[in-house]
Amino acid sequence: MENPSHIRKVLIAGMIGNVLEWYDFVVYGYLAGIIGKLFFPSNDPTTELIKAFTVFAVGFIARPIGATFFGFLGDKIGRRKALMISIILMAISTTAIGLLPTYYQIGILAPILLTLLKITQGLSVGGEYTTSVSFVVEHAPKNKRGLFGSIAILGAVIGILLGSASSAFITKILPEDALYSYGWRILFMTGIILGFLGYYVRRNIGETPKFKELEIKKEIDKNPILDLLKNYRSEFLKTFFLSVFQAVGFYTLFVYLAQHLIKFVHLPKSTALTINTVGMIVLAFLIPIFGYLSDKFGRKIFILLSTGLTFMFAYPLFVYISSGSALNAQLGLIIFAIITAGFMAVLPTTLVEIFPTKVRNTGYSLGYNLPFAIFGGTSPLIATLLIKYTNNLASPSIYLMFAAAVAFLSGLLLKESFNKNLK
């Protein structure tokens, strides 16, 4: 395990799927206006946009189904094989979107195929992240599990930055008619490169030591889903409630907030996106640092600090961010990034350490993805509705405070696990 080449391959294998997943997320969101016009043409650009995002939401809802399937698969045939299947599905579906004929070419079949491909992506994504974390952490030395686990979520942040940079670059160099004819396709079709890289790396790495132990002892769970619901309900509920804050926190601060600055604070789009990018860079820088520190001081302290500070400072920070000053907005998001980075860095490893190996993938995948489908995807909508009905630009902080409180209380019930062997 100390072989640097092997360590590098394990970390790349763990994070590459998350890079691809979030790359696609950002690209689809950035090009939603173009996709809406090409696949859902109407006389109303808003209707086109709503339909484009509805398709995205359908794919999002498919995640818990994918989590059930790939979680089960990972506990039955191994983390490595499950990851190889998920990266193939993800790469094919992402690339296929870039090859799709539009509504003007094949009519109603175009949006139907787009929806089916987004569902396929959702199924793949549902098991990709959690299985990759289990894979990486089970490969990690005991004193580096926190660092290794943080690398998986770092892949998500890198994917967002890569997607933003690619989208910004291609929209800058191509005229609008070129974007509509072929430019948008390029961004999706590059997914095949990440997919092949991920498959190649995963194919050349062995199964995790913990899963091999199960195979040797013939202790692979015959029905991990039933076993989870019967014997590990407490671990599942802790995973669910901790993941509520991950879902709401990430989507509110690093997905919704850019639109908040554009629509309600009236900052230029380029300024708002720059503010979001800087916040993401700070987050990316801090995640492995907090992952490393959690191997020294434990996971629980960072979970309680992040959620506790978020609960206390979410409202005043939203007031500060919404003041109309770009500088205030940037400083406010940086503070949010610092506060939440500790939680986001240590949660992956914490949730791996909660479950025994035989139901780990199933428990983690279901417990993590359900809150994302319920609370994460709805965060931008709820934030917007809160402002509409309260007429208070800081009201999205209420939802964030709710999620922080739920995770804080769950964190209090956690048993420290950083200095213990995986079960």
Protein backbone atom coordinates (compact mmCIF):
# COMPACT_ATOMS: atom_id res chain seq x y z
CA MET A 1 0.00 0.00 0.00
CA GLU A 2 2.96 2.32 0.53
CA ASN A 3 3.86 2.05 -3.17
CA PRO A 4 3.37 5.67 -4.42
CA SER A 5 2.26 4.44 -7.85
CA HIS A 6 -0.41 2.22 -6.31
CA ILE A 7 -1.61 4.99 -3.98
CA ARG A 8 -1.90 7.37 -6.94
CA LYS A 9 -3.93 4.84 -8.96
CA VAL A 10 -6.29 4.18 -6.03
CA LEU A 11 -6.95 7.90 -5.56
CA ILE A 12 -7.46 8.51 -9.30
CA ALA A 13 -9.77 5.48 -9.48
CA GLY A 14 -11.77 6.87 -6.58
CA MET A 15 -12.20 10.41 -7.79
CA ILE A 16 -12.42 10.14 -11.60
CA GLY A 17 -16.11 9.20 -11.66
CA ASN A 18 -16.96 12.14 -9.42
CA VAL A 19 -15.07 14.49 -11.73
CA LEU A 20 -17.15 13.21 -14.67
CA GLU A 21 -20.43 13.36 -12.71
CA TRP A 22 -20.06 16.97 -11.62
CA TYR A 23 -18.51 18.04 -14.91
CA ASP A 24 -21.72 16.91 -16.60
CA PHE A 25 -23.84 18.62 -13.93
CA VAL A 26 -22.22 22.00 -14.54
CA VAL A 27 -22.16 21.66 -18.33
CA TYR A 28 -25.85 20.72 -18.47
CA GLY A 29 -26.79 23.63 -16.21
CA TYR A 30 -24.67 26.09 -18.15
CA LEU A 31 -26.13 24.93 -21.49
CA ALA A 32 -29.71 24.45 -20.24
CA GLY A 33 -30.95 27.39 -22.30
CA ILE A 34 -29.47 25.90 -25.48
CA ILE A 35 -30.73 22.39 -24.64
CA GLY A 36 -34.20 23.76 -23.93
CA LYS A 37 -34.38 25.47 -27.32
CA LEU A 38 -33.03 22.46 -29.22
CA PHE A 39 -35.07 19.74 -27.49
CA PHE A 40 -38.15 21.58 -26.18
CA PRO A 41 -38.75 24.42 -28.68
CA SER A 42 -41.60 26.83 -27.91
CA ASN A 43 -42.36 30.53 -28.14
CA ASP A 44 -41.39 30.99 -24.48
CA PRO A 45 -37.69 30.70 -23.47
CA THR A 46 -38.73 30.26 -19.81
CA THR A 47 -40.85 27.22 -20.71
CA GLU A 48 -37.93 25.76 -22.65
CA LEU A 49 -35.64 26.27 -19.67
CA ILE A 50 -38.12 24.73 -17.21
CA LYS A 51 -38.48 21.63 -19.39
CA ALA A 52 -34.71 21.27 -19.70
CA PHE A 53 -34.33 21.43 -15.91
CA THR A 54 -37.28 19.06 -15.42
CA VAL A 55 -35.38 16.41 -17.38
CA PHE A 56 -32.37 17.03 -15.16
CA ALA A 57 -34.59 16.61 -12.06
CA VAL A 58 -35.91 13.29 -13.37
CA GLY A 59 -32.34 12.04 -13.60
CA PHE A 60 -31.77 13.27 -10.06
CA ILE A 61 -34.74 11.28 -8.75
CA ALA A 62 -33.22 8.14 -10.30
CA ARG A 63 -30.21 8.39 -7.97
CA PRO A 64 -31.70 6.46 -5.02
CA ILE A 65 -32.65 3.65 -7.42
CA GLY A 66 -29.07 3.60 -8.68
CA ALA A 67 -27.83 3.71 -5.09
CA THR A 68 -29.90 0.63 -4.26
CA PHE A 69 -28.64 -1.26 -7.31
CA PHE A 70 -24.95 -0.32 -7.15
CA GLY A 71 -24.87 -0.48 -3.35
CA PHE A 72 -26.18 -4.05 -3.57
CA LEU A 73 -23.79 -4.82 -6.43
CA GLY A 74 -20.79 -3.47 -4.52
CA ASP A 75 -21.60 -5.64 -1.49
CA LYS A 76 -22.22 -8.74 -3.63
CA ILE A 77 -19.55 -8.74 -6.37
CA GLY A 78 -17.09 -6.14 -5.07
CA ARG A 79 -16.43 -2.40 -5.12
CA ARG A 80 -14.09 -2.59 -8.13
CA LYS A 81 -16.54 -4.34 -10.46
CA ALA A 82 -19.40 -2.04 -9.45
CA LEU A 83 -17.22 1.00 -10.17
CA MET A 84 -16.21 -0.34 -13.58
CA ILE A 85 -19.86 -0.81 -14.56
CA SER A 86 -20.91 2.62 -13.26
CA ILE A 87 -18.14 4.52 -15.07
CA ILE A 88 -19.02 2.79 -18.37
CA LEU A 89 -22.70 3.71 -17.99
CA MET A 90 -21.84 7.27 -17.06
CA ALA A 91 -19.40 7.79 -19.93
CA ILE A 92 -21.72 6.25 -22.54
CA SER A 93 -24.78 8.23 -21.43
CA THR A 94 -22.87 11.53 -21.20
CA THR A 95 -21.31 11.06 -24.64
CA ALA A 96 -24.62 9.90 -26.15
CA ILE A 97 -26.26 13.18 -25.11
CA GLY A 98 -23.68 14.97 -27.23
CA LEU A 99 -24.62 12.76 -30.20
CA LEU A 100 -28.40 13.12 -29.90
CA PRO A 101 -30.41 14.46 -32.83
CA THR A 102 -32.52 17.47 -31.83
CA TYR A 103 -36.28 18.02 -31.89
CA TYR A 104 -35.94 19.68 -35.30
CA GLN A 105 -34.42 16.45 -36.66
CA ILE A 106 -36.46 13.61 -35.10
CA GLY A 107 -39.33 15.35 -33.32
CA ILE A 108 -40.71 14.12 -29.99
CA LEU A 109 -38.25 11.22 -29.92
CA ALA A 110 -35.42 13.69 -29.14
CA PRO A 111 -36.65 14.79 -25.69
CA ILE A 112 -37.68 11.20 -24.90
CA LEU A 113 -34.15 9.94 -25.61
CA LEU A 114 -32.64 12.85 -23.66
CA THR A 115 -34.79 11.93 -20.66
CA LEU A 116 -33.82 8.25 -20.87
CA LEU A 117 -30.12 9.16 -21.01
CA LYS A 118 -30.44 11.47 -17.99
CA ILE A 119 -32.17 8.64 -16.11
CA THR A 120 -29.28 6.34 -17.04
CA GLN A 121 -26.84 8.94 -15.74
CA GLY A 122 -28.85 9.23 -12.53
CA LEU A 123 -28.76 5.49 -11.98
CA SER A 124 -25.00 5.44 -12.50
CA VAL A 125 -24.33 8.48 -10.33
CA GLY A 126 -26.43 7.04 -7.49
CA GLY A 127 -23.85 4.37 -6.81
CA GLU A 128 -20.71 5.99 -8.20
CA TYR A 129 -19.78 8.42 -5.44
CA THR A 130 -20.50 6.24 -2.42
CA THR A 131 -18.95 3.13 -3.96
CA SER A 132 -15.84 5.13 -4.88
CA VAL A 133 -15.51 6.36 -1.28
CA SER A 134 -15.85 2.82 0.08
CA PHE A 135 -13.26 1.68 -2.46
CA VAL A 136 -10.72 4.37 -1.56
CA VAL A 137 -11.16 4.24 2.23
CA GLU A 138 -10.99 0.43 2.32
CA HIS A 139 -7.69 0.64 0.43
CA ALA A 140 -6.30 3.33 2.77
CA PRO A 141 -3.92 2.76 5.67
CA LYS A 142 -5.69 3.23 9.02
CA ASN A 143 -3.95 6.55 9.72
CA LYS A 144 -4.84 8.02 6.29
CA ARG A 145 -8.50 7.08 5.89
CA GLY A 146 -9.68 10.65 6.44
CA LEU A 147 -7.32 12.02 3.81
CA PHE A 148 -8.17 9.31 1.29
CA GLY A 149 -11.91 9.75 1.81
CA SER A 150 -11.66 13.51 1.30
CA ILE A 151 -10.08 12.97 -2.13
CA ALA A 152 -13.32 11.46 -3.46
CA ILE A 153 -15.35 14.61 -2.75
CA LEU A 154 -12.45 16.69 -4.02
CA GLY A 155 -13.18 15.02 -7.36
CA ALA A 156 -16.66 16.59 -7.31
CA VAL A 157 -15.20 20.04 -6.75
CA ILE A 158 -12.64 19.55 -9.53
CA GLY A 159 -15.45 18.40 -11.84
CA ILE A 160 -17.39 21.61 -11.17
CA LEU A 161 -14.34 23.77 -11.81
CA LEU A 162 -13.52 21.80 -14.99
CA GLY A 163 -17.11 22.07 -16.22
CA SER A 164 -17.27 25.79 -15.50
CA ALA A 165 -13.95 26.47 -17.19
CA SER A 166 -14.80 24.35 -20.26
CA SER A 167 -18.23 25.95 -20.64
CA ALA A 168 -16.88 29.46 -20.23
CA PHE A 169 -14.07 28.79 -22.72
CA ILE A 170 -16.22 27.33 -25.49
CA THR A 171 -18.95 29.96 -25.16
CA LYS A 172 -16.28 32.63 -25.40
CA ILE A 173 -14.48 31.34 -28.52
CA LEU A 174 -17.53 30.21 -30.53
CA PRO A 175 -20.23 32.44 -32.02
CA GLU A 176 -23.81 31.72 -30.94
CA ASP A 177 -24.86 29.90 -34.12
CA ALA A 178 -21.86 27.56 -33.78
CA LEU A 179 -22.80 26.85 -30.16
CA TYR A 180 -26.29 25.79 -31.22
CA SER A 181 -25.15 23.70 -34.17
CA TYR A 182 -22.21 21.75 -32.73
CA GLY A 183 -20.46 23.59 -29.89
CA TRP A 184 -22.72 22.29 -27.10
CA ARG A 185 -22.08 18.72 -28.28
CA ILE A 186 -18.31 19.00 -27.78
CA LEU A 187 -18.67 19.54 -24.03
CA PHE A 188 -20.70 16.36 -23.56
CA MET A 189 -18.64 14.22 -25.91
CA THR A 190 -15.44 14.92 -23.98
CA GLY A 191 -16.98 12.80 -21.23
CA ILE A 192 -15.79 9.71 -23.09
CA ILE A 193 -12.17 10.69 -22.34
CA LEU A 194 -12.79 10.77 -18.58
CA GLY A 195 -14.79 7.56 -18.86
CA PHE A 196 -12.04 5.60 -20.63
CA LEU A 197 -9.43 6.92 -18.20
CA GLY A 198 -11.57 5.88 -15.23
CA TYR A 199 -12.26 2.43 -16.64
CA TYR A 200 -8.58 1.83 -17.47
CA VAL A 201 -7.40 2.82 -13.98
CA ARG A 202 -10.10 0.80 -12.22
CA ARG A 203 -9.46 -2.28 -14.35
CA ASN A 204 -5.82 -2.29 -13.26
CA ILE A 205 -6.41 -2.05 -9.50
CA GLY A 206 -7.30 -4.98 -7.28
CA GLU A 207 -10.34 -5.35 -5.05
CA THR A 208 -10.18 -3.77 -1.59
CA PRO A 209 -8.56 -5.78 1.25
CA LYS A 210 -11.75 -5.66 3.36
CA PHE A 211 -13.92 -7.13 0.60
CA LYS A 212 -11.28 -9.79 -0.10
CA GLU A 213 -11.54 -10.80 3.56
CA LEU A 214 -15.27 -11.37 3.13
CA GLU A 215 -14.64 -13.49 0.03
CA ILE A 216 -11.98 -15.60 1.76
CA LYS A 217 -14.13 -16.14 4.87
CA LYS A 218 -17.22 -16.71 2.67
CA GLU A 219 -19.08 -14.04 4.64
CA ILE A 220 -20.51 -12.02 1.73
CA ASP A 221 -24.03 -10.96 2.70
CA LYS A 222 -26.71 -12.79 0.72
CA ASN A 223 -29.17 -9.92 1.07
CA PRO A 224 -27.42 -6.73 2.23
CA ILE A 225 -30.56 -4.58 1.79
CA LEU A 226 -32.65 -6.77 4.09
CA ASP A 227 -29.76 -7.07 6.55
CA LEU A 228 -29.35 -3.29 6.58
CA LEU A 229 -33.02 -2.61 7.32
CA LYS A 230 -33.18 -5.34 9.94
CA ASN A 231 -29.91 -4.93 11.85
CA TYR A 232 -28.40 -1.52 11.02
CA ARG A 233 -31.28 0.94 11.22
CA SER A 234 -29.45 3.23 13.65
CA GLU A 235 -26.37 3.47 11.39
CA PHE A 236 -28.63 4.11 8.39
CA LEU A 237 -30.51 6.94 10.14
CA LYS A 238 -27.26 8.62 11.25
CA THR A 239 -26.02 8.45 7.66
CA PHE A 240 -29.30 9.90 6.37
CA PHE A 241 -29.46 12.84 8.80
CA LEU A 242 -25.78 13.73 8.46
CA SER A 243 -26.15 13.69 4.68
CA VAL A 244 -29.05 16.18 4.87
CA PHE A 245 -26.54 18.93 5.69
CA GLN A 246 -24.17 17.82 2.93
CA ALA A 247 -27.02 17.99 0.40
CA VAL A 248 -28.56 21.29 1.51
CA GLY A 249 -25.21 22.94 2.27
CA PHE A 250 -23.58 22.13 -1.03
CA TYR A 251 -26.55 22.94 -3.25
CA THR A 252 -27.46 26.13 -1.40
CA LEU A 253 -23.95 27.57 -1.16
CA PHE A 254 -22.24 26.36 -4.32
CA VAL A 255 -25.12 25.85 -6.76
CA TYR A 256 -28.00 28.16 -5.81
CA LEU A 257 -26.00 31.12 -4.50
CA ALA A 258 -24.68 32.21 -7.90
CA GLN A 259 -28.26 32.59 -9.16
CA HIS A 260 -29.17 34.36 -5.90
CA LEU A 261 -26.48 36.97 -6.58
CA ILE A 262 -27.67 37.44 -10.17
CA LYS A 263 -31.44 37.47 -9.63
CA PHE A 264 -31.87 39.08 -6.21
CA VAL A 265 -28.63 40.97 -5.49
CA HIS A 266 -28.42 42.12 -9.15
CA LEU A 267 -24.73 41.42 -9.65
CA PRO A 268 -23.51 40.82 -13.23
CA LYS A 269 -23.55 37.16 -14.25
CA SER A 270 -19.80 37.09 -14.82
CA THR A 271 -19.21 38.57 -11.35
CA ALA A 272 -21.52 36.07 -9.65
CA LEU A 273 -19.89 33.12 -11.42
CA THR A 274 -16.43 34.42 -10.49
CA ILE A 275 -17.48 34.69 -6.85
CA ASN A 276 -18.75 31.11 -6.96
CA THR A 277 -15.56 29.89 -8.65
CA VAL A 278 -13.33 31.52 -6.02
CA GLY A 279 -15.46 29.94 -3.28
CA MET A 280 -15.08 26.54 -4.92
CA ILE A 281 -11.31 26.97 -5.20
CA VAL A 282 -11.11 27.73 -1.46
CA LEU A 283 -13.25 24.68 -0.75
CA ALA A 284 -11.06 22.47 -2.97
CA PHE A 285 -7.92 23.71 -1.21
CA LEU A 286 -9.29 23.07 2.29
CA ILE A 287 -10.94 19.67 1.78
CA PRO A 288 -7.76 17.53 1.77
CA ILE A 289 -6.32 19.62 4.63
CA PHE A 290 -9.33 18.89 6.85
CA GLY A 291 -9.27 15.27 5.71
CA TYR A 292 -5.67 15.05 6.87
CA LEU A 293 -6.44 16.77 10.18
CA SER A 294 -9.30 14.37 10.87
CA ASP A 295 -6.74 11.55 10.90
CA LYS A 296 -5.00 13.39 13.75
CA PHE A 297 -7.91 14.76 15.80
CA GLY A 298 -10.93 12.65 14.80
CA ARG A 299 -14.02 13.10 12.63
CA LYS A 300 -16.60 14.12 15.24
CA ILE A 301 -15.01 17.42 16.20
CA PHE A 302 -15.11 18.71 12.62
CA ILE A 303 -18.71 17.57 12.09
CA LEU A 304 -19.86 19.39 15.24
CA LEU A 305 -17.80 22.52 14.54
CA SER A 306 -18.97 22.86 10.94
CA THR A 307 -22.65 22.29 11.66
CA GLY A 308 -22.62 24.35 14.86
CA LEU A 309 -20.91 27.35 13.23
CA THR A 310 -23.21 27.12 10.21
CA PHE A 311 -26.27 27.23 12.46
CA MET A 312 -24.95 30.31 14.28
CA PHE A 313 -23.62 32.29 11.33
CA ALA A 314 -25.80 31.29 8.35
CA TYR A 315 -28.28 34.14 8.74
CA PRO A 316 -25.79 37.01 9.31
CA LEU A 317 -23.60 35.70 6.48
CA PHE A 318 -26.57 35.66 4.09
CA VAL A 319 -27.40 39.24 5.10
CA TYR A 320 -23.78 40.19 4.41
CA ILE A 321 -23.70 38.33 1.07
CA SER A 322 -26.97 39.96 -0.03
CA SER A 323 -25.89 43.52 0.79
CA GLY A 324 -25.27 44.42 -2.86
CA SER A 325 -21.49 44.50 -2.66
CA ALA A 326 -19.53 41.99 -4.74
CA LEU A 327 -16.68 42.13 -2.22
CA ASN A 328 -19.05 41.33 0.66
CA ALA A 329 -20.53 38.46 -1.32
CA GLN A 330 -17.08 37.05 -2.05
CA LEU A 331 -15.89 37.30 1.55
CA GLY A 332 -19.16 35.81 2.80
CA LEU A 333 -18.89 32.78 0.50
CA ILE A 334 -15.23 32.26 1.44
CA ILE A 335 -16.24 32.20 5.14
CA PHE A 336 -18.98 29.69 4.30
CA ALA A 337 -16.41 27.57 2.41
CA ILE A 338 -14.07 27.59 5.42
CA ILE A 339 -16.88 26.65 7.83
CA THR A 340 -18.36 23.85 5.72
CA ALA A 341 -15.11 22.39 4.32
CA GLY A 342 -14.44 20.51 7.56
CA PHE A 343 -17.78 18.71 7.37
CA MET A 344 -17.59 17.98 3.65
CA ALA A 345 -14.05 16.65 3.99
CA VAL A 346 -14.68 14.19 6.83
CA LEU A 347 -18.23 13.01 6.04
CA PRO A 348 -17.18 10.46 3.34
CA THR A 349 -14.82 8.58 5.65
CA THR A 350 -17.18 8.93 8.63
CA LEU A 351 -20.00 7.22 6.75
CA VAL A 352 -17.71 4.41 5.56
CA GLU A 353 -16.59 3.82 9.15
CA ILE A 354 -20.19 3.63 10.44
CA PHE A 355 -21.06 0.39 8.63
CA PRO A 356 -19.50 -3.09 8.67
CA THR A 357 -17.98 -4.19 5.36
CA LYS A 358 -20.76 -6.63 4.44
CA VAL A 359 -23.46 -3.90 4.21
CA ARG A 360 -21.25 -0.82 3.85
CA ASN A 361 -21.90 -0.06 0.22
CA THR A 362 -25.65 -0.58 0.49
CA GLY A 363 -26.03 1.40 3.72
CA TYR A 364 -23.83 4.27 2.63
CA SER A 365 -25.31 4.50 -0.88
CA LEU A 366 -28.93 4.54 0.27
CA GLY A 367 -28.39 6.69 3.36
CA TYR A 368 -26.45 9.28 1.38
CA ASN A 369 -28.44 9.47 -1.85
CA LEU A 370 -31.96 9.66 -0.39
CA PRO A 371 -31.30 13.04 1.30
CA PHE A 372 -29.79 14.33 -1.93
CA ALA A 373 -32.92 13.37 -3.87
CA ILE A 374 -35.25 14.81 -1.19
CA PHE A 375 -33.37 17.82 0.16
CA GLY A 376 -30.46 18.53 -2.20
CA GLY A 377 -32.30 18.83 -5.49
CA THR A 378 -35.02 20.96 -3.89
CA SER A 379 -32.65 23.41 -2.17
CA PRO A 380 -32.61 26.04 -4.97
CA LEU A 381 -36.40 25.84 -5.26
CA ILE A 382 -36.97 26.17 -1.50
CA ALA A 383 -34.47 29.04 -1.25
CA THR A 384 -36.31 30.90 -4.01
CA LEU A 385 -39.74 30.24 -2.44
CA LEU A 386 -38.52 31.45 0.97
CA ILE A 387 -37.49 34.77 -0.57
CA LYS A 388 -40.77 35.04 -2.45
CA TYR A 389 -42.96 34.52 0.62
CA THR A 390 -40.83 36.33 3.21
CA ASN A 391 -39.44 39.10 1.00
CA ASN A 392 -36.18 38.58 2.93
CA LEU A 393 -33.00 37.96 0.92
CA ALA A 394 -31.42 36.18 3.89
CA SER A 395 -34.30 33.69 4.27
CA PRO A 396 -32.52 30.82 2.41
CA SER A 397 -30.34 30.59 5.52
CA ILE A 398 -33.36 29.16 7.39
CA TYR A 399 -33.23 25.96 5.34
CA LEU A 400 -29.46 25.80 5.80
CA MET A 401 -29.86 26.25 9.58
CA PHE A 402 -32.45 23.47 9.66
CA ALA A 403 -30.07 21.08 7.88
CA ALA A 404 -27.16 22.10 10.15
CA ALA A 405 -29.26 21.48 13.27
CA VAL A 406 -30.31 18.01 12.07
CA ALA A 407 -26.69 17.05 11.32
CA PHE A 408 -25.39 18.55 14.58
CA LEU A 409 -27.80 16.46 16.66
CA SER A 410 -26.86 13.37 14.65
CA GLY A 411 -23.19 14.19 15.16
CA LEU A 412 -23.65 14.23 18.91
CA LEU A 413 -24.73 10.58 18.73
CA LEU A 414 -21.66 9.52 16.71
CA LYS A 415 -19.00 7.34 18.25
CA GLU A 416 -15.49 8.44 17.29
CA SER A 417 -14.07 6.05 14.70
CA PHE A 418 -10.84 7.53 13.33
CA ASN A 419 -8.61 5.43 15.61
CA LYS A 420 -10.49 2.15 15.15
CA ASN A 421 -10.17 -0.60 12.56
CA LEU A 422 -12.88 -0.86 9.91
CA LYS A 423 -15.56 -3.33 10.93
